[in-house]
Amino acid sequence: MSQNIITLADLIENVKLGGGSVITSSTELEPAAGPHASVAPAKYVDGKGQAAKSVFVYETRYIVEKPEDQDEPKKEEAKTAEKAVKGKPQTVVLIDSKQSELNRAEAAIEQGRQYGDEAVVKIPRAVVTYQTENGPVEYTDMELSHRVFDGHFRAGTINGEHITENDQYRALRNCTPADMSALLNTAPAALLFGAWDSTRKSNQVRLRSALVGEIIGVLADQERSGEEQQARRSGARVDAVAASVQLTPKDMESLVNDQEAELSDKNISEQRKKIKGAKSGDRISGSALGLGSIPPSVEEIGGVSCRRITRSWVLSLATLRQLRFGTDETKNVAARALLAALGLNAIARAERELYIRANCDLVESAAPVVALDQRFGEKKPFAPLTVEHTDQLLLEAIENAKKAGVADWNGQTFKVEGNPIIIKNAAAEDAE
């Protein structure tokens, strides 16, 4: 593997018109417990209401076999036959989606900010702050779905004035493909991760993400459907005090009243409905309050076995080249290189912590393969991305953009006061 590292010169050269299309990073992963272990893919809701159920997402992908996965005849055939088939369609399961991988990248950048990392603390951001009983709570444009155009920002105020009347926020909403300078210097996350001012009547800012990533697993058995291979999850709860706690309506009401401040509104409503409907001599299970044992049972889908797991990232330089910051091409190039450096830093930070979800512990089985498209079928390999290297690259890009007069990143924060109506009516659980 080449030990060349990506430089700012590489980025500058390839964000110019006609440069390479993408920078990619691809990593082979495997279950931490070994090839025998199943992994828990992401779950999605299929259907609505009572008909809704949790499902995994299966797709057909064209998978190129690794040399070690081929038997000896195939290896010899690949050596001697120019037309040897390199891959074939196979059924895969989506272990982590594009949206989820971006969320992990954004969270990794925010974590770096909390630790005071020199490069990421310089990134401008927008913050909406809600005042709660436990003190102020902040949410940044890297955490909220529509970035700085999210509903939480749009409902907020600045110095007592509704945000849509604020000149700086108006400048963000009025950005056009011809000039994205306002976003670059206030809330650049939108330019890299995508954003949509979806509720505006007209002139909506729509930005596709220049960075995408995912983790997929090739199912172990290609002869059976994904649904046939998925395991079921078993669950149980043991109460060391009592296997069952059956309460009189009066005692249940007393416990609910005592814990009212800690229970969800939905749980309180359900228990009070049971209390009200109870007849003389009835008993109510305390399981809803976490009391008593739950016998072992087989419930929802649990995991699948995979013969191969791959994580991939794509940073689209072609997408960044659609962004302009005025008519000066020198400024355009410097700004695009800055966003590209931020994208590479996001990949490196996301890859550093291979934390997905419960029962989905993975390890790298090989080093990430990083490549820059050089057009006409040519690719230039680079060493795996590291936080240390991409931090330095980002600092250089920040300085270069400052010298070009297009961006001055000094950790500036666009502060918005959250609407108290929203936080007052926020609930921890879905209405369904």
Protein backbone atom coordinates (compact mmCIF):
# COMPACT_ATOMS: atom_id res chain seq x y z
CA MET A 1 0.00 0.00 0.00
CA SER A 2 1.26 3.47 -0.84
CA GLN A 3 2.24 5.53 2.18
CA ASN A 4 1.61 8.82 0.38
CA ILE A 5 -0.71 11.03 2.39
CA ILE A 6 -3.28 13.36 0.89
CA THR A 7 -2.00 16.94 0.84
CA LEU A 8 -3.69 20.30 0.50
CA ALA A 9 -2.14 20.52 -2.97
CA ASP A 10 -3.98 17.31 -3.93
CA LEU A 11 -7.28 18.83 -2.78
CA ILE A 12 -6.71 22.18 -4.47
CA GLU A 13 -5.81 20.53 -7.77
CA ASN A 14 -8.87 18.27 -7.72
CA VAL A 15 -11.55 20.76 -6.66
CA LYS A 16 -10.77 22.79 -9.77
CA LEU A 17 -13.08 22.24 -12.73
CA GLY A 18 -12.25 18.96 -14.45
CA GLY A 19 -10.57 17.44 -11.38
CA GLY A 20 -11.12 13.98 -9.96
CA SER A 21 -14.67 12.96 -9.14
CA VAL A 22 -14.26 11.41 -5.69
CA ILE A 23 -12.03 10.38 -2.83
CA THR A 24 -12.99 6.99 -1.38
CA SER A 25 -12.13 5.00 1.73
CA SER A 26 -13.11 1.34 1.92
CA THR A 27 -12.46 -1.04 4.83
CA GLU A 28 -13.03 -4.77 5.27
CA LEU A 29 -14.59 -5.52 8.67
CA GLU A 30 -15.51 -8.69 10.56
CA PRO A 31 -17.45 -9.65 13.70
CA ALA A 32 -15.29 -9.05 16.77
CA ALA A 33 -16.15 -12.48 18.20
CA GLY A 34 -15.10 -14.23 14.99
CA PRO A 35 -16.70 -15.42 11.73
CA HIS A 36 -19.20 -17.58 13.62
CA ALA A 37 -20.82 -14.55 15.27
CA SER A 38 -23.93 -12.85 13.95
CA VAL A 39 -24.25 -9.08 13.79
CA ALA A 40 -27.26 -6.87 14.43
CA PRO A 41 -28.04 -4.72 11.37
CA ALA A 42 -30.02 -1.50 11.57
CA LYS A 43 -33.76 -1.98 12.09
CA TYR A 44 -36.40 -0.12 10.14
CA VAL A 45 -40.15 0.17 10.62
CA ASP A 46 -42.26 -1.43 7.90
CA GLY A 47 -45.92 -0.37 7.92
CA LYS A 48 -47.86 1.93 10.21
CA GLY A 49 -49.86 1.70 13.41
CA GLN A 50 -50.52 -1.77 14.80
CA ALA A 51 -49.41 -3.34 11.54
CA ALA A 52 -45.92 -1.87 11.89
CA LYS A 53 -43.04 -4.29 12.41
CA SER A 54 -39.27 -4.14 12.66
CA VAL A 55 -37.36 -5.34 9.59
CA PHE A 56 -33.85 -5.50 8.21
CA VAL A 57 -33.13 -4.07 4.77
CA TYR A 58 -31.81 -6.50 2.15
CA GLU A 59 -30.46 -5.53 -1.27
CA THR A 60 -28.76 -7.14 -4.24
CA ARG A 61 -25.25 -5.76 -4.78
CA TYR A 62 -22.48 -6.63 -7.21
CA ILE A 63 -19.73 -8.04 -5.00
CA VAL A 64 -16.17 -8.56 -6.22
CA GLU A 65 -14.69 -11.56 -4.44
CA LYS A 66 -11.56 -11.23 -2.38
CA PRO A 67 -8.74 -13.56 -3.54
CA GLU A 68 -8.80 -15.48 -0.26
CA ASP A 69 -12.52 -16.17 -0.77
CA GLN A 70 -11.96 -17.94 -4.09
CA ASP A 71 -11.24 -21.64 -4.35
CA GLU A 72 -8.09 -22.82 -6.16
CA PRO A 73 -9.71 -23.44 -9.57
CA LYS A 74 -11.14 -19.93 -9.58
CA LYS A 75 -7.78 -18.46 -8.62
CA GLU A 76 -6.11 -20.24 -11.52
CA GLU A 77 -8.91 -19.23 -13.87
CA ALA A 78 -8.52 -15.60 -12.81
CA LYS A 79 -4.83 -15.76 -13.58
CA THR A 80 -5.19 -17.27 -17.03
CA ALA A 81 -8.50 -16.06 -18.44
CA GLU A 82 -8.78 -12.39 -19.26
CA LYS A 83 -12.55 -12.60 -19.27
CA ALA A 84 -12.76 -14.28 -15.85
CA VAL A 85 -15.72 -12.96 -13.88
CA LYS A 86 -14.49 -10.82 -10.98
CA GLY A 87 -17.76 -10.67 -9.11
CA LYS A 88 -21.44 -11.49 -9.12
CA PRO A 89 -24.75 -10.24 -7.72
CA GLN A 90 -25.18 -11.21 -4.07
CA THR A 91 -27.68 -10.54 -1.32
CA VAL A 92 -26.48 -8.11 1.32
CA VAL A 93 -27.94 -6.63 4.47
CA LEU A 94 -27.66 -2.94 5.33
CA ILE A 95 -25.77 -2.84 8.63
CA ASP A 96 -25.49 0.94 8.82
CA SER A 97 -27.20 3.38 6.47
CA LYS A 98 -25.87 6.49 4.76
CA GLN A 99 -27.84 8.71 7.16
CA SER A 100 -26.52 6.84 10.19
CA GLU A 101 -22.91 6.96 9.03
CA LEU A 102 -23.16 10.72 8.50
CA ASN A 103 -24.62 11.09 11.97
CA ARG A 104 -21.62 9.23 13.35
CA ALA A 105 -19.24 11.52 11.45
CA GLU A 106 -20.99 14.63 12.76
CA ALA A 107 -21.03 13.26 16.31
CA ALA A 108 -17.30 12.51 16.07
CA ILE A 109 -16.59 16.11 15.08
CA GLU A 110 -18.72 17.38 17.97
CA GLN A 111 -16.84 15.06 20.33
CA GLY A 112 -13.56 16.49 19.08
CA ARG A 113 -14.88 19.97 19.77
CA GLN A 114 -15.77 18.96 23.34
CA TYR A 115 -12.22 17.69 23.83
CA GLY A 116 -10.86 20.98 22.51
CA ASP A 117 -9.12 19.57 19.42
CA GLU A 118 -7.36 22.48 17.73
CA ALA A 119 -8.72 21.97 14.21
CA VAL A 120 -12.40 21.25 14.86
CA VAL A 121 -12.86 24.01 17.45
CA LYS A 122 -12.27 26.44 14.59
CA ILE A 123 -15.28 25.21 12.61
CA PRO A 124 -18.13 27.78 12.67
CA ARG A 125 -21.44 26.44 13.93
CA ALA A 126 -25.00 27.40 14.72
CA VAL A 127 -26.44 26.53 18.14
CA VAL A 128 -30.01 26.58 19.43
CA THR A 129 -30.29 26.65 23.23
CA TYR A 130 -33.32 25.51 25.20
CA GLN A 131 -33.81 26.52 28.81
CA THR A 132 -34.92 23.51 30.89
CA GLU A 133 -35.50 22.77 34.56
CA ASN A 134 -32.01 21.26 34.65
CA GLY A 135 -30.36 24.22 32.97
CA PRO A 136 -29.62 25.18 29.34
CA VAL A 137 -29.37 22.43 26.71
CA GLU A 138 -27.63 23.07 23.37
CA TYR A 139 -28.20 21.50 19.95
CA THR A 140 -25.90 22.30 17.04
CA ASP A 141 -26.45 22.37 13.30
CA MET A 142 -24.41 19.16 13.11
CA GLU A 143 -26.97 17.39 15.29
CA LEU A 144 -30.26 18.65 13.87
CA SER A 145 -31.62 17.00 10.72
CA HIS A 146 -31.93 20.03 8.44
CA ARG A 147 -28.85 21.76 9.85
CA VAL A 148 -29.32 25.49 10.32
CA PHE A 149 -32.67 25.32 8.48
CA ASP A 150 -34.12 22.85 10.99
CA GLY A 151 -37.48 23.56 12.63
CA HIS A 152 -35.78 24.12 15.99
CA PHE A 153 -33.80 27.02 14.52
CA ARG A 154 -36.72 28.44 12.54
CA ALA A 155 -38.91 28.61 15.66
CA GLY A 156 -36.21 30.36 17.70
CA THR A 157 -35.34 33.96 18.48
CA ILE A 158 -32.24 36.14 18.57
CA ASN A 159 -32.23 38.93 21.16
CA GLY A 160 -36.00 38.54 21.52
CA GLU A 161 -36.61 38.90 17.77
CA HIS A 162 -37.92 36.02 15.68
CA ILE A 163 -35.04 34.46 13.78
CA THR A 164 -36.59 34.99 10.34
CA GLU A 165 -36.33 38.75 10.96
CA ASN A 166 -32.60 38.50 11.69
CA ASP A 167 -30.37 39.79 8.87
CA GLN A 168 -27.66 37.15 9.38
CA TYR A 169 -30.20 34.33 9.25
CA ARG A 170 -31.84 35.88 6.21
CA ALA A 171 -28.45 35.81 4.48
CA LEU A 172 -28.18 32.06 5.20
CA ARG A 173 -31.64 31.36 3.79
CA ASN A 174 -31.00 33.53 0.74
CA CYS A 175 -27.82 31.73 -0.33
CA THR A 176 -27.85 30.73 -4.01
CA PRO A 177 -25.69 28.39 -6.09
CA ALA A 178 -23.80 31.49 -7.21
CA ASP A 179 -22.67 32.42 -3.70
CA MET A 180 -22.69 30.22 -0.58
CA SER A 181 -20.34 32.47 1.38
CA ALA A 182 -22.80 33.16 4.20
CA LEU A 183 -23.19 29.45 4.95
CA LEU A 184 -19.44 28.83 4.64
CA ASN A 185 -18.64 31.31 7.40
CA THR A 186 -21.62 30.63 9.69
CA ALA A 187 -22.83 27.04 9.33
CA PRO A 188 -20.59 25.12 6.88
CA ALA A 189 -21.96 21.73 7.98
CA ALA A 190 -24.81 22.31 5.52
CA LEU A 191 -22.38 22.54 2.60
CA LEU A 192 -20.67 19.22 3.40
CA PHE A 193 -23.43 17.11 4.95
CA GLY A 194 -26.38 18.53 3.01
CA ALA A 195 -29.38 20.61 4.06
CA TRP A 196 -32.87 21.56 2.97
CA ASP A 197 -34.87 24.64 3.96
CA SER A 198 -37.96 22.47 3.44
CA THR A 199 -40.73 24.61 4.94
CA ARG A 200 -39.91 27.84 3.14
CA LYS A 201 -42.53 28.82 0.58
CA SER A 202 -40.01 29.65 -2.15
CA ASN A 203 -36.29 30.02 -2.82
CA GLN A 204 -35.50 26.96 -0.71
CA VAL A 205 -31.83 26.17 -0.18
CA ARG A 206 -31.29 22.53 -1.16
CA LEU A 207 -27.87 21.00 -0.79
CA ARG A 208 -27.08 17.34 -1.37
CA SER A 209 -24.49 15.76 0.89
CA ALA A 210 -20.99 15.72 -0.55
CA LEU A 211 -20.08 12.92 1.85
CA VAL A 212 -21.80 9.53 2.07
CA GLY A 213 -20.93 6.30 3.84
CA GLU A 214 -22.43 2.92 4.66
CA ILE A 215 -21.70 -0.54 6.07
CA ILE A 216 -23.04 -3.62 4.30
CA GLY A 217 -22.76 -7.33 5.01
CA VAL A 218 -22.79 -10.11 2.40
CA LEU A 219 -25.12 -12.82 3.74
CA ALA A 220 -23.44 -16.11 4.62
CA ASP A 221 -25.95 -18.25 2.69
CA GLN A 222 -26.70 -16.99 -0.80
CA GLU A 223 -29.15 -19.85 -1.44
CA ARG A 224 -31.73 -18.60 1.05
CA SER A 225 -33.50 -15.26 1.42
CA GLY A 226 -32.46 -12.78 4.04
CA GLU A 227 -35.66 -13.30 6.03
CA GLU A 228 -34.94 -17.03 6.25
CA GLN A 229 -31.48 -16.40 7.70
CA GLN A 230 -32.23 -13.75 10.29
CA ALA A 231 -32.06 -14.89 13.91
CA ARG A 232 -34.68 -14.13 16.54
CA ARG A 233 -33.82 -12.24 19.68
CA SER A 234 -34.49 -13.80 23.07
CA GLY A 235 -35.06 -11.69 26.13
CA ALA A 236 -35.86 -12.01 29.82
CA ARG A 237 -35.71 -10.07 33.08
CA VAL A 238 -34.94 -11.49 36.49
CA ASP A 239 -36.20 -9.69 39.60
CA ALA A 240 -34.09 -10.77 42.59
CA VAL A 241 -36.83 -9.66 45.01
CA ALA A 242 -39.89 -11.31 43.51
CA ALA A 243 -40.78 -13.15 40.31
CA SER A 244 -44.13 -11.37 40.21
CA VAL A 245 -45.46 -8.20 41.84
CA GLN A 246 -49.28 -7.98 41.65
CA LEU A 247 -50.68 -4.77 43.14
CA THR A 248 -54.09 -3.64 44.28
CA PRO A 249 -55.41 -0.63 42.32
CA LYS A 250 -54.86 1.55 45.40
CA ASP A 251 -51.23 0.45 45.81
CA MET A 252 -50.59 0.84 42.08
CA GLU A 253 -51.98 4.36 42.18
CA SER A 254 -49.74 5.19 45.12
CA LEU A 255 -46.62 4.00 43.26
CA VAL A 256 -47.59 5.85 40.08
CA ASN A 257 -48.18 9.08 42.02
CA ASP A 258 -44.82 8.74 43.79
CA GLN A 259 -42.97 8.24 40.50
CA GLU A 260 -45.00 10.58 38.30
CA ALA A 261 -42.11 12.95 37.69
CA GLU A 262 -39.96 10.07 36.40
CA LEU A 263 -42.47 8.16 34.26
CA SER A 264 -43.41 8.98 30.69
CA ASP A 265 -46.80 10.56 30.05
CA LYS A 266 -47.83 7.53 28.00
CA ASN A 267 -46.95 5.08 30.79
CA ILE A 268 -48.78 7.16 33.40
CA SER A 269 -51.86 7.36 31.19
CA GLU A 270 -51.90 3.60 30.59
CA GLN A 271 -51.51 2.72 34.28
CA ARG A 272 -54.20 5.14 35.40
CA LYS A 273 -56.52 3.69 32.79
CA LYS A 274 -55.90 0.22 34.28
CA ILE A 275 -56.48 1.57 37.80
CA LYS A 276 -59.74 3.24 36.83
CA GLY A 277 -61.02 0.14 35.05
CA ALA A 278 -60.09 -2.32 37.80
CA LYS A 279 -62.87 -4.13 39.60
CA SER A 280 -63.04 -5.23 43.23
CA GLY A 281 -60.43 -7.88 43.91
CA ASP A 282 -58.45 -7.19 40.70
CA ARG A 283 -54.69 -7.03 40.79
CA ILE A 284 -52.45 -5.02 38.43
CA SER A 285 -49.01 -6.22 37.36
CA GLY A 286 -46.14 -3.98 38.41
CA SER A 287 -44.13 -4.90 35.30
CA ALA A 288 -44.79 -1.49 33.73
CA LEU A 289 -42.92 0.04 36.68
CA GLY A 290 -40.00 -2.36 36.27
CA LEU A 291 -41.14 -4.78 38.98
CA GLY A 292 -41.16 -8.57 38.70
CA SER A 293 -39.51 -11.01 36.32
CA ILE A 294 -40.19 -11.43 32.62
CA PRO A 295 -39.89 -15.08 31.50
CA PRO A 296 -37.56 -15.88 28.58
CA SER A 297 -39.23 -15.37 25.24
CA VAL A 298 -38.36 -15.16 21.57
CA GLU A 299 -39.32 -11.78 20.21
CA GLU A 300 -38.03 -9.52 17.47
CA ILE A 301 -35.38 -10.08 14.83
CA GLY A 302 -31.92 -10.28 16.31
CA GLY A 303 -29.05 -10.67 13.82
CA VAL A 304 -27.66 -12.25 10.69
CA SER A 305 -24.48 -14.08 9.76
CA CYS A 306 -22.26 -12.45 7.13
CA ARG A 307 -19.38 -13.88 5.10
CA ARG A 308 -18.04 -10.40 4.44
CA ILE A 309 -18.61 -6.90 5.84
CA THR A 310 -17.49 -3.70 4.13
CA ARG A 311 -17.55 -0.07 5.25
CA SER A 312 -17.20 2.56 2.52
CA TRP A 313 -17.04 6.33 2.31
CA VAL A 314 -17.31 8.56 -0.74
CA LEU A 315 -16.33 12.23 -0.67
CA SER A 316 -17.70 13.73 -3.88
CA LEU A 317 -15.37 16.39 -5.24
CA ALA A 318 -17.75 16.75 -8.17
CA THR A 319 -20.46 17.84 -5.70
CA LEU A 320 -18.14 20.36 -4.06
CA ARG A 321 -17.35 21.81 -7.48
CA GLN A 322 -21.02 22.77 -7.85
CA LEU A 323 -20.57 25.24 -4.99
CA ARG A 324 -19.48 28.79 -5.69
CA PHE A 325 -18.61 31.63 -3.37
CA GLY A 326 -18.70 34.55 -5.76
CA THR A 327 -17.03 35.11 -9.11
CA ASP A 328 -13.39 34.79 -8.04
CA GLU A 329 -12.30 31.26 -8.95
CA THR A 330 -9.33 31.43 -6.57
CA LYS A 331 -11.78 31.89 -3.70
CA ASN A 332 -14.01 29.13 -5.03
CA VAL A 333 -11.13 26.66 -5.11
CA ALA A 334 -9.92 27.60 -1.62
CA ALA A 335 -13.43 27.21 -0.18
CA ARG A 336 -13.98 23.84 -1.86
CA ALA A 337 -10.59 22.58 -0.64
CA LEU A 338 -11.56 23.66 2.87
CA LEU A 339 -14.80 21.65 2.72
CA ALA A 340 -12.94 18.66 1.25
CA ALA A 341 -10.46 18.79 4.15
CA LEU A 342 -13.39 18.90 6.59
CA GLY A 343 -14.89 15.87 4.84
CA LEU A 344 -11.69 13.85 5.16
CA ASN A 345 -11.45 14.83 8.82
CA ALA A 346 -15.03 13.65 9.34
CA ILE A 347 -14.19 10.26 7.78
CA ALA A 348 -11.06 9.84 9.91
CA ARG A 349 -12.90 10.73 13.11
CA ALA A 350 -15.84 8.44 12.32
CA GLU A 351 -13.51 5.54 11.47
CA ARG A 352 -11.49 5.98 14.67
CA GLU A 353 -14.32 4.65 16.88
CA LEU A 354 -15.92 1.51 15.43
CA TYR A 355 -19.03 1.76 17.59
CA ILE A 356 -22.25 0.81 15.85
CA ARG A 357 -24.92 -0.61 18.19
CA ALA A 358 -25.56 -3.40 20.69
CA ASN A 359 -24.71 -6.87 19.32
CA CYS A 360 -22.86 -5.34 16.38
CA ASP A 361 -19.27 -5.28 17.58
CA LEU A 362 -16.91 -5.18 14.60
CA VAL A 363 -13.15 -4.98 14.04
CA GLU A 364 -11.09 -4.06 11.01
CA SER A 365 -9.73 -7.10 9.18
CA ALA A 366 -7.56 -4.95 6.92
CA ALA A 367 -6.37 -1.37 6.62
CA PRO A 368 -8.70 1.11 4.89
CA VAL A 369 -8.03 1.48 1.17
CA VAL A 370 -8.03 5.17 0.24
CA ALA A 371 -8.02 6.33 -3.37
CA LEU A 372 -8.40 9.54 -5.37
CA ASP A 373 -10.14 9.33 -8.73
CA GLN A 374 -7.92 10.78 -11.45
CA ARG A 375 -10.42 10.31 -14.28
CA PHE A 376 -10.18 8.09 -17.35
CA GLY A 377 -10.17 5.00 -15.11
CA GLU A 378 -7.03 5.99 -13.18
CA LYS A 379 -6.85 6.08 -9.38
CA LYS A 380 -4.16 7.32 -7.03
CA PRO A 381 -3.79 5.37 -3.74
CA PHE A 382 -3.10 7.01 -0.40
CA ALA A 383 -2.33 5.92 3.14
CA PRO A 384 -5.33 5.42 5.46
CA LEU A 385 -6.79 8.61 6.87
CA THR A 386 -5.89 9.45 10.47
CA VAL A 387 -7.24 12.13 12.77
CA GLU A 388 -3.74 13.53 13.33
CA HIS A 389 -3.07 13.91 9.61
CA THR A 390 -6.51 15.24 8.67
CA ASP A 391 -6.46 17.70 11.58
CA GLN A 392 -3.25 19.18 10.17
CA LEU A 393 -4.75 19.13 6.67
CA LEU A 394 -7.83 20.99 7.93
CA LEU A 395 -5.70 23.61 9.70
CA GLU A 396 -3.75 24.20 6.46
CA ALA A 397 -6.99 24.49 4.47
CA ILE A 398 -8.39 26.98 6.99
CA GLU A 399 -5.27 29.14 6.67
CA ASN A 400 -5.35 28.88 2.86
CA ALA A 401 -9.02 29.96 2.75
CA LYS A 402 -8.24 32.88 5.04
CA LYS A 403 -5.40 34.04 2.78
CA ALA A 404 -7.72 33.77 -0.22
CA GLY A 405 -10.20 36.03 1.56
CA VAL A 406 -13.09 33.57 1.30
CA ALA A 407 -13.35 32.17 4.85
CA ASP A 408 -12.18 33.05 8.33
CA TRP A 409 -12.89 30.15 10.66
CA ASN A 410 -12.28 31.00 14.30
CA GLY A 411 -14.92 28.89 16.03
CA GLN A 412 -17.59 31.57 15.68
CA THR A 413 -21.04 30.54 16.94
CA PHE A 414 -24.40 31.70 15.60
CA LYS A 415 -26.54 31.64 18.75
CA VAL A 416 -30.30 31.09 18.73
CA GLU A 417 -32.67 30.93 21.70
CA GLY A 418 -34.99 27.93 21.45
CA ASN A 419 -38.76 28.41 21.61
CA PRO A 420 -39.96 27.34 25.10
CA ILE A 421 -43.20 25.99 23.60
CA ILE A 422 -41.24 23.25 21.83
CA ILE A 423 -39.20 22.05 24.80
CA LYS A 424 -42.26 22.18 27.07
CA ASN A 425 -44.11 19.76 24.80
CA ALA A 426 -41.19 17.48 23.96
CA ALA A 427 -41.67 13.80 24.84
CA ALA A 428 -39.08 11.05 25.05
CA GLU A 429 -41.25 8.48 23.29
CA ASP A 430 -43.05 8.35 19.96
CA ALA A 431 -46.76 9.09 20.02
CA GLU A 432 -47.37 5.71 18.35
